[in-house]
Amino acid sequence: MFEFLKRKSRPVPCVFIDGLVVRRELGDGAIEEVAWEDLVEVQIVTTDEGPFVDDVFFLLVGRDGSGVCVPQGAPGSETLLDRLQKLPNFDNGEVIRAMVCSENARFVCWKKG
């Protein structure tokens, strides 16, 4: 009983957003990063695994294949959607479709013109 109290918690991935980059520091020390100027596509990926685990992820794809996968609600990600919505022709309709989806799906919200 109460075995879950004995488990060691993993460090929570942290997201850093500023005027130059979006960076996600993973619990194992790895870093994902994309510069805003290199951003070429924004997707939202949903899974059927929620609601008790992360099931909505923002994928920010860089022109050189770099990118960041940001779980919705990750610490530090509170301003991400606001910043993404400032991209020209960002598709809020796709965001709405993603947020009501409970299946494995991918929604392209923005592509660099």
N, C-alpha and C. Protein backbone atom coordinates (compact mmCIF):
# COMPACT_ATOMS: atom_id res chain seq x y z
N MET A 1 0.84 -1.18 0.00
CA MET A 1 0.00 0.00 0.00
C MET A 1 0.88 1.25 0.00
N PHE A 2 0.50 2.28 -0.70
CA PHE A 2 1.20 3.55 -0.81
C PHE A 2 2.59 3.41 -1.43
N GLU A 3 2.77 2.43 -2.30
CA GLU A 3 4.05 2.26 -2.99
C GLU A 3 4.40 3.49 -3.81
N PHE A 4 3.39 4.19 -4.32
CA PHE A 4 3.65 5.37 -5.14
C PHE A 4 4.40 6.44 -4.35
N LEU A 5 4.30 6.45 -3.03
CA LEU A 5 5.03 7.44 -2.23
C LEU A 5 6.52 7.14 -2.19
N LYS A 6 6.89 5.91 -2.46
CA LYS A 6 8.29 5.51 -2.41
C LYS A 6 9.01 5.76 -3.73
N ARG A 7 8.24 5.95 -4.80
CA ARG A 7 8.85 6.17 -6.10
C ARG A 7 9.59 7.49 -6.13
N LYS A 8 10.75 7.49 -6.77
CA LYS A 8 11.47 8.74 -6.94
C LYS A 8 10.82 9.51 -8.08
N SER A 9 10.61 10.77 -7.85
CA SER A 9 10.00 11.57 -8.90
C SER A 9 11.08 11.97 -9.91
N ARG A 10 10.66 12.03 -11.17
CA ARG A 10 11.56 12.47 -12.23
C ARG A 10 11.51 13.98 -12.31
N PRO A 11 12.61 14.61 -12.67
CA PRO A 11 12.56 16.06 -12.86
C PRO A 11 11.55 16.41 -13.96
N VAL A 12 10.81 17.46 -13.75
CA VAL A 12 9.81 17.89 -14.72
C VAL A 12 10.49 18.70 -15.81
N PRO A 13 10.23 18.35 -17.09
CA PRO A 13 10.81 19.15 -18.17
C PRO A 13 10.35 20.60 -18.04
N CYS A 14 11.26 21.51 -18.31
CA CYS A 14 10.98 22.94 -18.18
C CYS A 14 11.11 23.60 -19.54
N VAL A 15 10.21 24.53 -19.83
CA VAL A 15 10.20 25.23 -21.11
C VAL A 15 10.61 26.68 -20.88
N PHE A 16 11.47 27.19 -21.79
CA PHE A 16 11.94 28.57 -21.74
C PHE A 16 11.57 29.22 -23.06
N ILE A 17 10.87 30.35 -22.99
CA ILE A 17 10.43 31.06 -24.18
C ILE A 17 10.86 32.51 -24.06
N ASP A 18 11.55 33.00 -25.08
CA ASP A 18 11.86 34.43 -25.12
C ASP A 18 11.73 34.91 -26.56
N GLY A 19 12.24 36.07 -26.85
CA GLY A 19 12.12 36.64 -28.20
C GLY A 19 12.99 35.96 -29.24
N LEU A 20 13.90 35.10 -28.82
CA LEU A 20 14.81 34.44 -29.76
C LEU A 20 14.54 32.96 -29.95
N VAL A 21 14.22 32.24 -28.87
CA VAL A 21 14.13 30.78 -28.95
C VAL A 21 13.00 30.23 -28.09
N VAL A 22 12.68 28.97 -28.39
CA VAL A 22 11.88 28.13 -27.50
C VAL A 22 12.78 26.96 -27.16
N ARG A 23 12.98 26.72 -25.87
CA ARG A 23 13.89 25.67 -25.41
C ARG A 23 13.17 24.81 -24.38
N ARG A 24 13.37 23.52 -24.50
CA ARG A 24 12.82 22.58 -23.52
C ARG A 24 13.97 21.79 -22.93
N GLU A 25 14.11 21.89 -21.62
CA GLU A 25 15.15 21.16 -20.91
C GLU A 25 14.51 19.90 -20.35
N LEU A 26 14.99 18.75 -20.81
CA LEU A 26 14.42 17.47 -20.40
C LEU A 26 15.03 17.02 -19.08
N GLY A 27 14.36 16.11 -18.42
CA GLY A 27 14.81 15.62 -17.13
C GLY A 27 16.17 14.97 -17.14
N ASP A 28 16.58 14.43 -18.29
CA ASP A 28 17.88 13.74 -18.37
C ASP A 28 19.01 14.68 -18.76
N GLY A 29 18.73 15.98 -18.85
CA GLY A 29 19.75 16.96 -19.20
C GLY A 29 19.78 17.32 -20.67
N ALA A 30 19.08 16.58 -21.51
CA ALA A 30 19.03 16.90 -22.94
C ALA A 30 18.23 18.20 -23.15
N ILE A 31 18.53 18.87 -24.24
CA ILE A 31 17.86 20.13 -24.56
C ILE A 31 17.34 20.07 -25.99
N GLU A 32 16.08 20.46 -26.16
CA GLU A 32 15.50 20.68 -27.49
C GLU A 32 15.35 22.18 -27.64
N GLU A 33 15.63 22.68 -28.85
CA GLU A 33 15.58 24.13 -29.04
C GLU A 33 15.30 24.46 -30.50
N VAL A 34 14.55 25.52 -30.71
CA VAL A 34 14.37 26.07 -32.04
C VAL A 34 14.31 27.59 -31.91
N ALA A 35 15.02 28.26 -32.81
CA ALA A 35 14.98 29.73 -32.86
C ALA A 35 13.73 30.16 -33.61
N TRP A 36 13.10 31.23 -33.17
CA TRP A 36 11.90 31.74 -33.83
C TRP A 36 12.19 32.01 -35.31
N GLU A 37 13.35 32.55 -35.61
CA GLU A 37 13.67 32.88 -37.00
C GLU A 37 13.84 31.64 -37.87
N ASP A 38 14.08 30.48 -37.26
CA ASP A 38 14.24 29.23 -38.00
C ASP A 38 12.96 28.40 -38.06
N LEU A 39 11.91 28.85 -37.39
CA LEU A 39 10.66 28.11 -37.31
C LEU A 39 10.01 28.02 -38.69
N VAL A 40 9.64 26.80 -39.11
CA VAL A 40 8.99 26.61 -40.41
C VAL A 40 7.61 25.98 -40.30
N GLU A 41 7.31 25.36 -39.16
CA GLU A 41 6.00 24.70 -39.02
C GLU A 41 5.64 24.53 -37.55
N VAL A 42 4.35 24.66 -37.26
CA VAL A 42 3.81 24.41 -35.93
C VAL A 42 2.69 23.40 -36.06
N GLN A 43 2.79 22.32 -35.28
CA GLN A 43 1.76 21.29 -35.26
C GLN A 43 1.31 21.08 -33.82
N ILE A 44 0.10 20.58 -33.68
CA ILE A 44 -0.36 20.08 -32.39
C ILE A 44 -0.64 18.60 -32.59
N VAL A 45 -0.07 17.79 -31.73
CA VAL A 45 -0.27 16.35 -31.78
C VAL A 45 -1.08 15.96 -30.54
N THR A 46 -2.13 15.17 -30.77
CA THR A 46 -2.94 14.68 -29.66
C THR A 46 -2.86 13.16 -29.60
N THR A 47 -3.04 12.64 -28.40
CA THR A 47 -3.06 11.19 -28.23
C THR A 47 -4.36 10.78 -27.54
N ASP A 48 -4.57 9.49 -27.49
CA ASP A 48 -5.77 8.98 -26.82
C ASP A 48 -5.48 8.54 -25.39
N GLU A 49 -4.38 9.02 -24.82
CA GLU A 49 -3.93 8.57 -23.51
C GLU A 49 -4.40 9.41 -22.34
N GLY A 50 -5.00 10.56 -22.58
CA GLY A 50 -5.42 11.44 -21.49
C GLY A 50 -6.61 10.88 -20.75
N PRO A 51 -7.09 11.51 -19.75
CA PRO A 51 -6.71 12.83 -19.28
C PRO A 51 -5.69 12.83 -18.15
N PHE A 52 -5.23 11.69 -17.71
CA PHE A 52 -4.34 11.67 -16.55
C PHE A 52 -2.86 11.71 -16.90
N VAL A 53 -2.54 11.72 -18.19
CA VAL A 53 -1.17 11.91 -18.66
C VAL A 53 -1.22 12.95 -19.77
N ASP A 54 -0.07 13.53 -20.09
CA ASP A 54 -0.02 14.51 -21.18
C ASP A 54 -0.55 13.89 -22.46
N ASP A 55 -1.47 14.58 -23.10
CA ASP A 55 -2.02 14.06 -24.35
C ASP A 55 -2.16 15.12 -25.43
N VAL A 56 -1.62 16.31 -25.20
CA VAL A 56 -1.58 17.38 -26.19
C VAL A 56 -0.16 17.94 -26.20
N PHE A 57 0.44 17.99 -27.41
CA PHE A 57 1.83 18.41 -27.55
C PHE A 57 1.95 19.40 -28.70
N PHE A 58 2.67 20.48 -28.47
CA PHE A 58 2.99 21.45 -29.51
C PHE A 58 4.33 21.05 -30.11
N LEU A 59 4.37 20.85 -31.43
CA LEU A 59 5.62 20.55 -32.12
C LEU A 59 6.03 21.77 -32.91
N LEU A 60 7.19 22.29 -32.60
CA LEU A 60 7.75 23.44 -33.31
C LEU A 60 8.92 22.93 -34.12
N VAL A 61 8.82 23.03 -35.44
CA VAL A 61 9.79 22.44 -36.35
C VAL A 61 10.68 23.53 -36.93
N GLY A 62 12.00 23.33 -36.84
CA GLY A 62 12.96 24.27 -37.40
C GLY A 62 13.37 23.88 -38.80
N ARG A 63 13.90 24.83 -39.56
CA ARG A 63 14.25 24.58 -40.96
C ARG A 63 15.39 23.58 -41.12
N ASP A 64 16.22 23.40 -40.11
CA ASP A 64 17.34 22.47 -40.19
C ASP A 64 17.00 21.12 -39.59
N GLY A 65 15.72 20.87 -39.31
CA GLY A 65 15.32 19.61 -38.71
C GLY A 65 15.29 19.65 -37.19
N SER A 66 15.75 20.77 -36.63
CA SER A 66 15.67 20.91 -35.17
C SER A 66 14.22 21.11 -34.79
N GLY A 67 13.95 21.03 -33.51
CA GLY A 67 12.60 21.26 -33.08
C GLY A 67 12.42 21.07 -31.60
N VAL A 68 11.23 21.39 -31.16
CA VAL A 68 10.87 21.29 -29.76
C VAL A 68 9.49 20.65 -29.67
N CYS A 69 9.34 19.73 -28.75
CA CYS A 69 8.04 19.13 -28.44
C CYS A 69 7.66 19.61 -27.05
N VAL A 70 6.61 20.42 -26.97
CA VAL A 70 6.20 21.03 -25.71
C VAL A 70 4.86 20.44 -25.27
N PRO A 71 4.85 19.69 -24.18
CA PRO A 71 3.56 19.21 -23.67
C PRO A 71 2.72 20.39 -23.18
N GLN A 72 1.44 20.36 -23.49
CA GLN A 72 0.56 21.42 -23.01
C GLN A 72 0.61 21.41 -21.49
N GLY A 73 0.80 22.55 -20.90
CA GLY A 73 0.83 22.64 -19.45
C GLY A 73 2.20 22.42 -18.82
N ALA A 74 3.23 22.21 -19.65
CA ALA A 74 4.59 22.06 -19.09
C ALA A 74 4.99 23.36 -18.40
N PRO A 75 5.70 23.27 -17.29
CA PRO A 75 6.14 24.50 -16.61
C PRO A 75 6.93 25.41 -17.57
N GLY A 76 6.53 26.65 -17.61
CA GLY A 76 7.19 27.62 -18.47
C GLY A 76 6.50 27.81 -19.82
N SER A 77 5.52 26.96 -20.13
CA SER A 77 4.88 27.02 -21.45
C SER A 77 3.63 27.91 -21.49
N GLU A 78 3.35 28.60 -20.42
CA GLU A 78 2.10 29.34 -20.29
C GLU A 78 1.91 30.38 -21.40
N THR A 79 2.98 30.95 -21.93
CA THR A 79 2.87 32.00 -22.93
C THR A 79 3.04 31.49 -24.36
N LEU A 80 3.25 30.18 -24.52
CA LEU A 80 3.55 29.65 -25.85
C LEU A 80 2.44 29.90 -26.85
N LEU A 81 1.22 29.54 -26.52
CA LEU A 81 0.14 29.70 -27.49
C LEU A 81 -0.06 31.16 -27.85
N ASP A 82 0.02 32.06 -26.88
CA ASP A 82 -0.10 33.49 -27.19
C ASP A 82 0.95 33.92 -28.21
N ARG A 83 2.16 33.44 -28.03
CA ARG A 83 3.26 33.80 -28.95
C ARG A 83 3.04 33.19 -30.33
N LEU A 84 2.58 31.94 -30.37
CA LEU A 84 2.33 31.28 -31.64
C LEU A 84 1.22 31.97 -32.42
N GLN A 85 0.21 32.47 -31.72
CA GLN A 85 -0.92 33.13 -32.38
C GLN A 85 -0.51 34.44 -33.05
N LYS A 86 0.66 34.93 -32.77
CA LYS A 86 1.17 36.14 -33.42
C LYS A 86 1.85 35.84 -34.76
N LEU A 87 2.04 34.56 -35.07
CA LEU A 87 2.61 34.20 -36.36
C LEU A 87 1.60 34.53 -37.46
N PRO A 88 2.07 35.04 -38.61
CA PRO A 88 1.12 35.40 -39.68
C PRO A 88 0.35 34.17 -40.17
N ASN A 89 -0.96 34.32 -40.26
CA ASN A 89 -1.85 33.27 -40.76
C ASN A 89 -1.89 32.02 -39.87
N PHE A 90 -1.62 32.19 -38.58
CA PHE A 90 -1.75 31.07 -37.65
C PHE A 90 -3.20 30.62 -37.63
N ASP A 91 -3.45 29.32 -37.70
CA ASP A 91 -4.80 28.77 -37.83
C ASP A 91 -5.36 28.38 -36.46
N ASN A 92 -6.12 29.28 -35.86
CA ASN A 92 -6.74 29.00 -34.57
C ASN A 92 -7.83 27.93 -34.67
N GLY A 93 -8.40 27.76 -35.85
CA GLY A 93 -9.38 26.71 -36.04
C GLY A 93 -8.77 25.33 -35.81
N GLU A 94 -7.52 25.15 -36.22
CA GLU A 94 -6.84 23.88 -35.99
C GLU A 94 -6.55 23.68 -34.50
N VAL A 95 -6.26 24.77 -33.80
CA VAL A 95 -6.04 24.69 -32.35
C VAL A 95 -7.33 24.20 -31.67
N ILE A 96 -8.45 24.78 -32.06
CA ILE A 96 -9.72 24.38 -31.48
C ILE A 96 -10.01 22.91 -31.78
N ARG A 97 -9.80 22.50 -33.02
CA ARG A 97 -10.02 21.09 -33.38
C ARG A 97 -9.14 20.17 -32.53
N ALA A 98 -7.88 20.58 -32.32
CA ALA A 98 -6.95 19.76 -31.53
C ALA A 98 -7.40 19.67 -30.07
N MET A 99 -7.87 20.77 -29.52
CA MET A 99 -8.21 20.79 -28.10
C MET A 99 -9.45 19.96 -27.77
N VAL A 100 -10.27 19.70 -28.75
CA VAL A 100 -11.45 18.87 -28.48
C VAL A 100 -11.24 17.43 -28.95
N CYS A 101 -10.08 17.13 -29.47
CA CYS A 101 -9.80 15.79 -29.99
C CYS A 101 -9.32 14.87 -28.87
N SER A 102 -9.83 13.65 -28.84
CA SER A 102 -9.40 12.67 -27.84
C SER A 102 -8.80 11.44 -28.52
N GLU A 103 -8.36 11.61 -29.75
CA GLU A 103 -7.77 10.51 -30.52
C GLU A 103 -6.33 10.85 -30.88
N ASN A 104 -5.62 9.89 -31.43
CA ASN A 104 -4.29 10.13 -31.96
C ASN A 104 -4.44 10.91 -33.26
N ALA A 105 -3.96 12.14 -33.28
CA ALA A 105 -4.13 12.99 -34.46
C ALA A 105 -3.05 14.06 -34.50
N ARG A 106 -2.91 14.67 -35.67
CA ARG A 106 -1.93 15.74 -35.88
C ARG A 106 -2.63 16.89 -36.60
N PHE A 107 -2.40 18.11 -36.11
CA PHE A 107 -3.04 19.30 -36.66
C PHE A 107 -1.96 20.31 -37.02
N VAL A 108 -1.91 20.71 -38.28
CA VAL A 108 -0.93 21.71 -38.71
C VAL A 108 -1.57 23.07 -38.52
N CYS A 109 -1.00 23.87 -37.63
CA CYS A 109 -1.55 25.19 -37.30
C CYS A 109 -0.87 26.32 -38.07
N TRP A 110 0.35 26.06 -38.52
CA TRP A 110 1.08 27.12 -39.21
C TRP A 110 2.23 26.53 -40.02
N LYS A 111 2.43 27.09 -41.20
CA LYS A 111 3.61 26.79 -42.02
C LYS A 111 4.17 28.10 -42.53
N LYS A 112 5.46 28.20 -42.54
CA LYS A 112 6.10 29.42 -43.02
C LYS A 112 5.78 29.59 -44.50
N GLY A 113 5.34 30.81 -44.84
CA GLY A 113 4.93 31.09 -46.22
C GLY A 113 6.06 31.25 -47.11
